Amino acid sequence: MAEKVYAIPNVQTPNVPVKINPEKCIGCNTCVETCQIDVFIPNPKKGAPPIILHPEECWYCGCCATDCPTPGAMEFNWPLPLKPRWRNKETGKVSQLK
């Protein structure tokens, strides 16, 4: 009989490193493979967005959002002291790292 393993995510603080749009995320797990710190784990449901397991350990390098192949699936959430100073003049939105 296979042993069940449970992963309990840490409580997310207001500084969630990324915002994942579950309607656009295809569950490819590119962000899981790219993250140097292992902030994410694959979702056990095939095609579902990854689980943010350790948000407080994020280094805010942006690799996950930069390498995401699906436009709009993942938005990097810069903490206030690290927010880039460039914005789209028309929308006011912080430009993605792509």
Protein backbone atom coordinates (compact mmCIF):
# COMPACT_ATOMS: atom_id res chain seq x y z
CA MET A 1 0.00 0.00 0.00
CA ALA A 2 1.35 3.43 -0.94
CA GLU A 3 2.02 5.85 1.86
CA LYS A 4 0.15 9.16 1.67
CA VAL A 5 2.22 12.31 1.96
CA TYR A 6 0.68 15.63 2.88
CA ALA A 7 2.09 19.09 2.16
CA ILE A 8 0.64 21.84 4.30
CA PRO A 9 1.34 25.32 2.86
CA ASN A 10 2.55 28.01 5.21
CA VAL A 11 0.02 30.72 5.96
CA GLN A 12 0.34 33.33 3.24
CA THR A 13 1.21 36.81 4.39
CA PRO A 14 0.06 39.96 2.59
CA ASN A 15 3.32 39.75 0.60
CA VAL A 16 2.40 36.88 -1.69
CA PRO A 17 5.25 36.74 -4.24
CA VAL A 18 3.08 35.90 -7.25
CA LYS A 19 -0.55 36.03 -8.19
CA ILE A 20 -1.69 33.06 -10.25
CA ASN A 21 -4.78 33.34 -12.43
CA PRO A 22 -6.35 29.85 -12.22
CA GLU A 23 -8.44 30.52 -15.33
CA LYS A 24 -5.35 31.08 -17.49
CA CYS A 25 -2.80 28.79 -15.81
CA ILE A 26 -2.47 25.53 -17.74
CA GLY A 27 -0.63 23.71 -14.93
CA CYS A 28 2.57 23.20 -16.95
CA ASN A 29 4.70 23.56 -13.77
CA THR A 30 7.38 25.62 -15.54
CA CYS A 31 7.41 27.92 -12.51
CA VAL A 32 7.90 24.94 -10.20
CA GLU A 33 10.92 23.80 -12.22
CA THR A 34 12.36 27.31 -12.62
CA CYS A 35 12.10 28.47 -9.01
CA GLN A 36 15.53 28.29 -7.38
CA ILE A 37 14.09 28.30 -3.86
CA ASP A 38 11.30 25.72 -4.30
CA VAL A 39 8.55 28.13 -3.31
CA PHE A 40 6.05 26.10 -5.38
CA ILE A 41 5.06 22.46 -5.56
CA PRO A 42 3.06 20.84 -8.39
CA ASN A 43 -0.64 20.57 -7.78
CA PRO A 44 -1.76 16.94 -7.47
CA LYS A 45 -4.70 17.78 -9.79
CA LYS A 46 -3.46 17.59 -13.39
CA GLY A 47 -3.74 20.96 -15.16
CA ALA A 48 -4.32 22.92 -11.93
CA PRO A 49 -2.11 25.85 -10.87
CA PRO A 50 0.88 25.03 -8.64
CA ILE A 51 0.63 25.38 -4.89
CA ILE A 52 2.59 28.22 -3.29
CA LEU A 53 4.07 26.26 -0.41
CA HIS A 54 6.63 28.67 1.11
CA PRO A 55 5.80 32.26 0.03
CA GLU A 56 7.97 33.83 2.73
CA GLU A 57 11.10 32.18 1.29
CA CYS A 58 10.78 33.87 -2.12
CA TRP A 59 13.88 35.83 -3.19
CA TYR A 60 11.78 37.95 -5.60
CA CYS A 61 14.05 37.10 -8.52
CA GLY A 62 11.08 36.90 -10.92
CA CYS A 63 12.21 33.70 -12.68
CA CYS A 64 8.81 32.07 -12.29
CA ALA A 65 6.88 34.92 -13.91
CA THR A 66 9.54 35.48 -16.57
CA ASP A 67 9.58 31.85 -17.70
CA CYS A 68 5.79 31.31 -17.59
CA PRO A 69 4.75 30.38 -21.16
CA THR A 70 1.09 31.43 -20.72
CA PRO A 71 0.49 35.20 -20.94
CA GLY A 72 -1.51 36.47 -17.98
CA ALA A 73 -1.32 33.25 -15.98
CA MET A 74 1.17 34.56 -13.44
CA GLU A 75 1.73 38.11 -12.25
CA PHE A 76 4.75 38.90 -10.14
CA ASN A 77 3.86 40.80 -6.98
CA TRP A 78 6.84 42.95 -6.07
CA PRO A 79 7.06 43.95 -2.40
CA LEU A 80 6.79 47.71 -1.98
CA PRO A 81 10.50 48.40 -1.26
CA LEU A 82 11.55 46.44 -4.38
CA LYS A 83 8.89 47.71 -6.81
CA PRO A 84 10.38 48.70 -10.15
CA ARG A 85 10.16 52.38 -10.91
CA TRP A 86 8.97 51.95 -14.51
CA ARG A 87 5.32 51.76 -15.42
CA ASN A 88 3.20 51.67 -18.54
CA LYS A 89 2.20 55.31 -19.17
CA GLU A 90 -1.22 54.38 -20.52
CA THR A 91 -2.31 51.86 -17.89
CA GLY A 92 -0.09 52.71 -14.90
CA LYS A 93 0.62 48.98 -14.48
CA VAL A 94 4.13 47.77 -13.65
CA SER A 95 5.49 46.12 -16.76
CA GLN A 96 6.23 42.40 -16.67
CA LEU A 97 9.81 41.20 -16.80
CA LYS A 98 9.39 39.54 -20.21
